[in-house]
Every structure is written in structure tokens, then in C-alpha cells.
N, C-alpha and C. Protein backbone atom coordinates (compact mmCIF):
# COMPACT_ATOMS: atom_id res chain seq x y z
N UNK A 1 62.23 89.81 -27.84
CA UNK A 1 61.51 88.91 -28.68
C UNK A 1 60.14 88.62 -28.08
N UNK A 2 59.11 88.71 -28.90
CA UNK A 2 57.72 88.52 -28.43
C UNK A 2 57.40 87.04 -28.30
N UNK A 3 56.57 86.77 -27.32
CA UNK A 3 56.15 85.37 -27.12
C UNK A 3 55.14 84.98 -28.17
N UNK A 4 55.21 83.74 -28.56
CA UNK A 4 54.23 83.23 -29.51
C UNK A 4 52.93 82.92 -28.76
N UNK A 5 51.84 83.25 -29.41
CA UNK A 5 50.54 82.93 -28.82
C UNK A 5 50.22 81.48 -29.12
N UNK A 6 49.60 80.85 -28.14
CA UNK A 6 49.16 79.47 -28.36
C UNK A 6 47.99 79.47 -29.33
N UNK A 7 47.98 78.47 -30.16
CA UNK A 7 46.86 78.35 -31.09
C UNK A 7 45.58 78.11 -30.30
N UNK A 8 44.58 78.87 -30.64
CA UNK A 8 43.32 78.70 -29.90
C UNK A 8 42.61 77.42 -30.37
N UNK A 9 42.13 76.73 -29.40
CA UNK A 9 41.38 75.50 -29.68
C UNK A 9 39.90 75.81 -29.63
N UNK A 10 39.14 75.16 -30.47
CA UNK A 10 37.69 75.40 -30.38
C UNK A 10 37.17 74.89 -29.04
N UNK A 11 36.22 75.64 -28.51
CA UNK A 11 35.64 75.25 -27.23
C UNK A 11 34.85 73.96 -27.41
N UNK A 12 34.94 73.07 -26.42
CA UNK A 12 34.16 71.84 -26.54
C UNK A 12 32.67 72.17 -26.45
N UNK A 13 31.88 71.42 -27.18
CA UNK A 13 30.44 71.63 -27.17
C UNK A 13 29.87 71.19 -25.83
N UNK A 14 28.92 71.94 -25.37
CA UNK A 14 28.26 71.56 -24.12
C UNK A 14 27.45 70.29 -24.38
N UNK A 15 27.52 69.38 -23.46
CA UNK A 15 26.79 68.13 -23.61
C UNK A 15 25.34 68.35 -23.20
N UNK A 16 24.45 67.81 -24.00
CA UNK A 16 23.05 67.87 -23.63
C UNK A 16 22.80 66.84 -22.55
N UNK A 17 22.16 67.27 -21.52
CA UNK A 17 21.87 66.36 -20.42
C UNK A 17 20.39 66.07 -20.38
N UNK A 18 20.09 64.84 -20.15
CA UNK A 18 18.69 64.45 -19.99
C UNK A 18 18.20 64.93 -18.64
N UNK A 19 16.97 65.32 -18.60
CA UNK A 19 16.37 65.75 -17.35
C UNK A 19 15.93 64.50 -16.60
N UNK A 20 16.44 64.34 -15.37
CA UNK A 20 16.11 63.15 -14.60
C UNK A 20 14.68 63.20 -14.08
N UNK A 21 14.28 64.31 -13.53
CA UNK A 21 12.93 64.50 -13.04
C UNK A 21 12.32 65.69 -13.76
N UNK A 22 11.74 65.43 -14.94
CA UNK A 22 11.24 66.54 -15.73
C UNK A 22 10.06 67.25 -15.05
N UNK A 23 10.01 68.53 -15.24
CA UNK A 23 8.89 69.29 -14.73
C UNK A 23 7.74 69.22 -15.71
N UNK A 24 6.59 69.64 -15.27
CA UNK A 24 5.42 69.67 -16.14
C UNK A 24 5.70 70.55 -17.36
N UNK A 25 6.38 71.66 -17.16
CA UNK A 25 6.69 72.56 -18.27
C UNK A 25 7.59 71.89 -19.29
N UNK A 26 8.55 71.10 -18.80
CA UNK A 26 9.45 70.37 -19.70
C UNK A 26 8.66 69.37 -20.54
N UNK A 27 7.76 68.64 -19.90
CA UNK A 27 6.95 67.65 -20.60
C UNK A 27 6.06 68.33 -21.63
N UNK A 28 5.41 69.42 -21.24
CA UNK A 28 4.52 70.14 -22.17
C UNK A 28 5.30 70.71 -23.35
N UNK A 29 6.51 71.19 -23.11
CA UNK A 29 7.27 71.74 -24.24
C UNK A 29 7.73 70.64 -25.18
N UNK A 30 8.07 69.47 -24.64
CA UNK A 30 8.42 68.35 -25.53
C UNK A 30 7.22 67.96 -26.38
N UNK A 31 6.05 67.94 -25.76
CA UNK A 31 4.83 67.59 -26.49
C UNK A 31 4.49 68.64 -27.53
N UNK A 32 4.69 69.92 -27.18
CA UNK A 32 4.40 71.00 -28.13
C UNK A 32 5.30 70.87 -29.37
N UNK A 33 6.54 70.51 -29.17
CA UNK A 33 7.44 70.30 -30.31
C UNK A 33 6.96 69.14 -31.17
N UNK A 34 6.51 68.07 -30.53
CA UNK A 34 6.01 66.91 -31.28
C UNK A 34 4.75 67.27 -32.06
N UNK A 35 3.86 68.07 -31.45
CA UNK A 35 2.66 68.52 -32.15
C UNK A 35 3.06 69.34 -33.37
N UNK A 36 4.01 70.25 -33.18
CA UNK A 36 4.48 71.08 -34.29
C UNK A 36 5.07 70.26 -35.43
N UNK A 37 5.80 69.21 -35.07
CA UNK A 37 6.34 68.32 -36.12
C UNK A 37 5.22 67.62 -36.85
N UNK A 38 4.17 67.22 -36.12
CA UNK A 38 3.02 66.57 -36.74
C UNK A 38 2.29 67.50 -37.69
N UNK A 39 2.10 68.74 -37.26
CA UNK A 39 1.45 69.73 -38.12
C UNK A 39 2.30 69.96 -39.35
N UNK A 40 3.60 70.13 -39.15
CA UNK A 40 4.51 70.40 -40.27
C UNK A 40 4.61 69.26 -41.26
N UNK A 41 4.35 68.03 -40.79
CA UNK A 41 4.46 66.89 -41.70
C UNK A 41 3.31 66.84 -42.69
N UNK A 42 2.27 67.60 -42.45
CA UNK A 42 1.10 67.61 -43.33
C UNK A 42 1.03 68.83 -44.23
N UNK A 43 2.00 69.68 -44.18
CA UNK A 43 1.97 70.86 -45.03
C UNK A 43 2.35 72.10 -44.25
N UNK A 44 1.91 73.23 -44.73
CA UNK A 44 2.32 74.50 -44.11
C UNK A 44 1.14 75.18 -43.43
N UNK A 45 0.66 74.61 -42.36
CA UNK A 45 -0.41 75.23 -41.57
C UNK A 45 0.21 75.88 -40.34
N UNK A 46 -0.45 76.89 -39.84
CA UNK A 46 -0.01 77.58 -38.63
C UNK A 46 -0.88 77.12 -37.47
N UNK A 47 -0.32 77.15 -36.28
CA UNK A 47 -1.07 76.83 -35.08
C UNK A 47 -1.47 78.16 -34.44
N UNK A 48 -2.77 78.40 -34.35
CA UNK A 48 -3.26 79.63 -33.76
C UNK A 48 -2.97 79.69 -32.26
N UNK A 49 -2.88 80.90 -31.73
CA UNK A 49 -2.62 81.07 -30.31
C UNK A 49 -3.72 80.43 -29.47
N UNK A 50 -4.97 80.54 -29.94
CA UNK A 50 -6.08 79.94 -29.20
C UNK A 50 -5.98 78.41 -29.21
N UNK A 51 -5.50 77.84 -30.30
CA UNK A 51 -5.32 76.39 -30.38
C UNK A 51 -4.22 75.93 -29.44
N UNK A 52 -3.13 76.67 -29.43
CA UNK A 52 -2.02 76.33 -28.54
C UNK A 52 -2.45 76.41 -27.08
N UNK A 53 -3.17 77.46 -26.73
CA UNK A 53 -3.66 77.63 -25.35
C UNK A 53 -4.63 76.50 -24.98
N UNK A 54 -5.46 76.10 -25.94
CA UNK A 54 -6.42 75.01 -25.70
C UNK A 54 -5.68 73.72 -25.37
N UNK A 55 -4.66 73.39 -26.16
CA UNK A 55 -3.90 72.17 -25.92
C UNK A 55 -3.17 72.23 -24.58
N UNK A 56 -2.57 73.37 -24.28
CA UNK A 56 -1.83 73.49 -23.03
C UNK A 56 -2.75 73.30 -21.82
N UNK A 57 -3.91 73.96 -21.83
CA UNK A 57 -4.86 73.81 -20.72
C UNK A 57 -5.31 72.36 -20.59
N UNK A 58 -5.68 71.77 -21.72
CA UNK A 58 -6.22 70.41 -21.74
C UNK A 58 -5.20 69.40 -21.20
N UNK A 59 -4.00 69.47 -21.71
CA UNK A 59 -3.02 68.45 -21.35
C UNK A 59 -2.27 68.74 -20.06
N UNK A 60 -2.20 69.99 -19.64
CA UNK A 60 -1.57 70.29 -18.36
C UNK A 60 -2.32 69.59 -17.23
N UNK A 61 -3.64 69.62 -17.30
CA UNK A 61 -4.46 68.96 -16.28
C UNK A 61 -4.22 67.46 -16.29
N UNK A 62 -4.25 66.86 -17.45
CA UNK A 62 -4.06 65.40 -17.56
C UNK A 62 -2.66 64.97 -17.14
N UNK A 63 -1.67 65.74 -17.53
CA UNK A 63 -0.29 65.38 -17.19
C UNK A 63 -0.04 65.55 -15.70
N UNK A 64 -0.63 66.58 -15.08
CA UNK A 64 -0.49 66.77 -13.64
C UNK A 64 -1.05 65.55 -12.90
N UNK A 65 -2.23 65.10 -13.34
CA UNK A 65 -2.85 63.94 -12.70
C UNK A 65 -1.98 62.70 -12.86
N UNK A 66 -1.43 62.49 -14.04
CA UNK A 66 -0.58 61.33 -14.29
C UNK A 66 0.67 61.36 -13.42
N UNK A 67 1.27 62.52 -13.30
CA UNK A 67 2.48 62.64 -12.48
C UNK A 67 2.16 62.44 -10.99
N UNK A 68 1.00 62.96 -10.56
CA UNK A 68 0.59 62.75 -9.16
C UNK A 68 0.34 61.28 -8.86
N UNK A 69 -0.17 60.56 -9.85
CA UNK A 69 -0.42 59.12 -9.66
C UNK A 69 0.88 58.33 -9.66
N UNK A 70 1.98 58.99 -9.97
CA UNK A 70 3.27 58.33 -9.96
C UNK A 70 3.66 57.71 -11.29
N UNK A 71 2.98 58.11 -12.34
CA UNK A 71 3.32 57.58 -13.67
C UNK A 71 4.70 58.08 -14.07
N UNK A 72 5.40 57.27 -14.80
CA UNK A 72 6.77 57.59 -15.21
C UNK A 72 6.79 58.24 -16.59
N UNK A 73 7.30 59.47 -16.65
CA UNK A 73 7.46 60.12 -17.94
C UNK A 73 8.47 59.37 -18.78
N UNK A 74 9.51 58.89 -18.15
CA UNK A 74 10.55 58.15 -18.87
C UNK A 74 9.96 56.94 -19.58
N UNK A 75 9.09 56.21 -18.90
CA UNK A 75 8.49 55.01 -19.49
C UNK A 75 7.45 55.36 -20.55
N UNK A 76 6.76 56.46 -20.39
CA UNK A 76 5.65 56.81 -21.28
C UNK A 76 6.04 57.78 -22.39
N UNK A 77 7.21 58.36 -22.30
CA UNK A 77 7.62 59.44 -23.19
C UNK A 77 7.46 59.11 -24.67
N UNK A 78 7.97 57.98 -25.11
CA UNK A 78 7.92 57.63 -26.53
C UNK A 78 6.50 57.57 -27.04
N UNK A 79 5.64 56.90 -26.28
CA UNK A 79 4.24 56.78 -26.72
C UNK A 79 3.52 58.12 -26.68
N UNK A 80 3.74 58.89 -25.64
CA UNK A 80 3.06 60.18 -25.52
C UNK A 80 3.49 61.11 -26.66
N UNK A 81 4.77 61.12 -26.99
CA UNK A 81 5.23 61.98 -28.08
C UNK A 81 4.69 61.50 -29.43
N UNK A 82 4.50 60.20 -29.58
CA UNK A 82 3.87 59.68 -30.80
C UNK A 82 2.44 60.17 -30.89
N UNK A 83 1.72 60.12 -29.77
CA UNK A 83 0.35 60.60 -29.75
C UNK A 83 0.30 62.11 -30.03
N UNK A 84 1.24 62.87 -29.49
CA UNK A 84 1.30 64.31 -29.73
C UNK A 84 1.56 64.60 -31.21
N UNK A 85 2.46 63.84 -31.81
CA UNK A 85 2.74 63.98 -33.24
C UNK A 85 1.48 63.70 -34.05
N UNK A 86 0.80 62.60 -33.70
CA UNK A 86 -0.45 62.24 -34.39
C UNK A 86 -1.51 63.32 -34.21
N UNK A 87 -1.56 63.91 -33.02
CA UNK A 87 -2.52 64.97 -32.76
C UNK A 87 -2.26 66.16 -33.67
N UNK A 88 -1.01 66.50 -33.88
CA UNK A 88 -0.67 67.57 -34.81
C UNK A 88 -1.13 67.26 -36.22
N UNK A 89 -0.97 66.00 -36.62
CA UNK A 89 -1.44 65.60 -37.95
C UNK A 89 -2.96 65.67 -38.04
N UNK A 90 -3.66 65.18 -36.99
CA UNK A 90 -5.13 65.25 -36.97
C UNK A 90 -5.58 66.71 -37.11
N UNK A 91 -4.96 67.59 -36.34
CA UNK A 91 -5.35 69.00 -36.36
C UNK A 91 -5.11 69.62 -37.73
N UNK A 92 -3.99 69.29 -38.32
CA UNK A 92 -3.67 69.83 -39.64
C UNK A 92 -4.66 69.33 -40.68
N UNK A 93 -5.03 68.05 -40.59
CA UNK A 93 -5.99 67.48 -41.53
C UNK A 93 -7.38 68.10 -41.38
N UNK A 94 -7.75 68.45 -40.15
CA UNK A 94 -9.09 68.98 -39.89
C UNK A 94 -9.19 70.48 -40.12
N UNK A 95 -8.07 71.18 -40.18
CA UNK A 95 -8.08 72.63 -40.33
C UNK A 95 -8.63 73.02 -41.70
N UNK A 96 -9.66 73.86 -41.68
CA UNK A 96 -10.28 74.29 -42.93
C UNK A 96 -9.43 75.35 -43.63
N UNK A 97 -8.80 76.21 -42.83
CA UNK A 97 -7.99 77.28 -43.40
C UNK A 97 -6.51 76.99 -43.24
N UNK A 98 -5.75 78.05 -43.21
CA UNK A 98 -4.30 77.90 -43.07
C UNK A 98 -3.85 77.93 -41.61
N UNK A 99 -4.79 78.25 -40.70
CA UNK A 99 -4.47 78.31 -39.28
C UNK A 99 -5.36 77.35 -38.51
N UNK A 100 -4.76 76.59 -37.61
CA UNK A 100 -5.51 75.66 -36.77
C UNK A 100 -6.15 76.45 -35.64
N UNK A 101 -7.47 76.29 -35.48
CA UNK A 101 -8.22 77.02 -34.46
C UNK A 101 -8.38 76.18 -33.21
N UNK A 102 -8.95 76.78 -32.17
CA UNK A 102 -9.18 76.07 -30.90
C UNK A 102 -10.16 74.93 -31.09
N UNK A 103 -11.16 75.12 -31.93
CA UNK A 103 -12.15 74.06 -32.18
C UNK A 103 -11.48 72.85 -32.83
N UNK A 104 -10.63 73.10 -33.79
CA UNK A 104 -9.91 72.02 -34.47
C UNK A 104 -8.90 71.38 -33.53
N UNK A 105 -8.29 72.18 -32.65
CA UNK A 105 -7.35 71.65 -31.67
C UNK A 105 -8.07 70.73 -30.68
N UNK A 106 -9.26 71.13 -30.26
CA UNK A 106 -10.04 70.30 -29.32
C UNK A 106 -10.44 68.98 -29.97
N UNK A 107 -10.87 69.03 -31.22
CA UNK A 107 -11.24 67.81 -31.93
C UNK A 107 -10.02 66.89 -32.09
N UNK A 108 -8.87 67.47 -32.39
CA UNK A 108 -7.65 66.67 -32.53
C UNK A 108 -7.25 66.05 -31.20
N UNK A 109 -7.46 66.78 -30.10
CA UNK A 109 -7.14 66.26 -28.76
C UNK A 109 -8.05 65.07 -28.44
N UNK A 110 -9.32 65.16 -28.79
CA UNK A 110 -10.24 64.02 -28.57
C UNK A 110 -9.79 62.81 -29.38
N UNK A 111 -9.40 63.03 -30.63
CA UNK A 111 -8.91 61.93 -31.46
C UNK A 111 -7.65 61.31 -30.86
N UNK A 112 -6.76 62.17 -30.36
CA UNK A 112 -5.50 61.69 -29.81
C UNK A 112 -5.72 60.85 -28.56
N UNK A 113 -6.72 61.20 -27.76
CA UNK A 113 -6.99 60.44 -26.54
C UNK A 113 -7.46 59.02 -26.84
N UNK A 114 -7.97 58.81 -28.02
CA UNK A 114 -8.42 57.47 -28.41
C UNK A 114 -7.48 56.81 -29.41
N UNK A 115 -6.31 57.39 -29.54
CA UNK A 115 -5.28 56.86 -30.43
C UNK A 115 -4.74 55.56 -29.85
N UNK A 116 -4.62 54.50 -30.64
CA UNK A 116 -4.08 53.23 -30.14
C UNK A 116 -2.64 53.35 -29.61
N UNK A 117 -1.94 54.43 -29.94
CA UNK A 117 -0.58 54.60 -29.45
C UNK A 117 -0.54 55.06 -27.99
N UNK A 118 -1.71 55.41 -27.42
CA UNK A 118 -1.72 55.79 -26.00
C UNK A 118 -1.18 54.61 -25.19
N UNK A 119 -0.33 54.89 -24.20
CA UNK A 119 0.44 53.84 -23.54
C UNK A 119 -0.30 53.00 -22.49
N UNK A 120 -1.33 52.34 -22.87
CA UNK A 120 -1.99 51.32 -22.04
C UNK A 120 -2.78 50.46 -23.01
N UNK A 121 -3.25 49.33 -22.58
CA UNK A 121 -3.89 48.39 -23.49
C UNK A 121 -5.13 48.95 -24.16
N UNK A 122 -5.99 49.65 -23.45
CA UNK A 122 -7.22 50.16 -24.05
C UNK A 122 -7.02 51.56 -24.61
N UNK A 123 -7.43 51.79 -25.87
CA UNK A 123 -7.33 53.14 -26.41
C UNK A 123 -8.12 54.11 -25.53
N UNK A 124 -7.54 55.27 -25.30
CA UNK A 124 -8.20 56.25 -24.44
C UNK A 124 -7.91 56.03 -22.97
N UNK A 125 -7.26 54.93 -22.64
CA UNK A 125 -6.96 54.65 -21.25
C UNK A 125 -5.51 54.86 -20.91
N UNK A 126 -4.80 55.59 -21.74
CA UNK A 126 -3.38 55.79 -21.54
C UNK A 126 -3.06 56.55 -20.27
N UNK A 127 -1.89 56.33 -19.74
CA UNK A 127 -1.49 56.96 -18.50
C UNK A 127 -1.48 58.47 -18.59
N UNK A 128 -0.94 59.00 -19.68
CA UNK A 128 -0.91 60.44 -19.85
C UNK A 128 -2.07 60.90 -20.74
N UNK A 129 -2.77 59.98 -21.36
CA UNK A 129 -3.85 60.33 -22.27
C UNK A 129 -5.17 60.48 -21.52
N UNK A 130 -5.32 59.78 -20.42
CA UNK A 130 -6.61 59.78 -19.72
C UNK A 130 -6.72 60.93 -18.77
């Protein structure tokens, strides 16, 4: 007589774990997703490779400085992602064509740095925005 096979159970889902000490790359990728959501909220525009590279260069420098100063990503995350979302909307609004260019990305970054959502009292003086 053959043995009965046990009914297979579905594998438990892997739990998403929060990063305790996020790397610069982790922070930049979270911001890139927020920018993409901002662009997508305004319609169907594409982000050009030159625009993406412009944002990465611009904000990698600022984020490195903020992290070196000991700023907390955990404390600033919500505000920074709000600013990134707004930056995507600014870029989408300013884009003349269907693709956001580096010039439009730079203008959106300047607008974002003076966004009141930057996490400090004075616009443009945010911990990760400055």
C-alpha cells in the first residue's frame, strides 16, 4: 500500500524588513520611485535618461552631505519623499514634450529645494534639500 502524500501548504510570504541603516543607494531609489509616482500622477510622460542622471547626480551630493552631518533618514523620510513626489509633478508640468529632459529636471529640482515640505522651518533649508 502506497503512502499518502501530505497536502502541500503554501509557502509563507517573506516579510519585508525595514532597512535600519539605509545606504545612499537605498535612499536614492526610494526617492526615484517617489519622483516616478509624481510624474505619473500628472499624466503619461516619460523620464529621459539624461533627466534621471541629472537628478541622481544632484541629489546624491546633497544626500551624502546630509548623512555625513548625521541627519536621520528615518526622521526626514516622509518629508523628503513628499518633496520628491512634488518634484516629479513639477517636472511633468514643465515638460514641453512627452519626455522630461535634463533641463526640465534641473528646473524641477530647483523648485523642489524651495518647496515648503522640505523638512526644516525655512523653505530651501531642509536637511536633505539643502
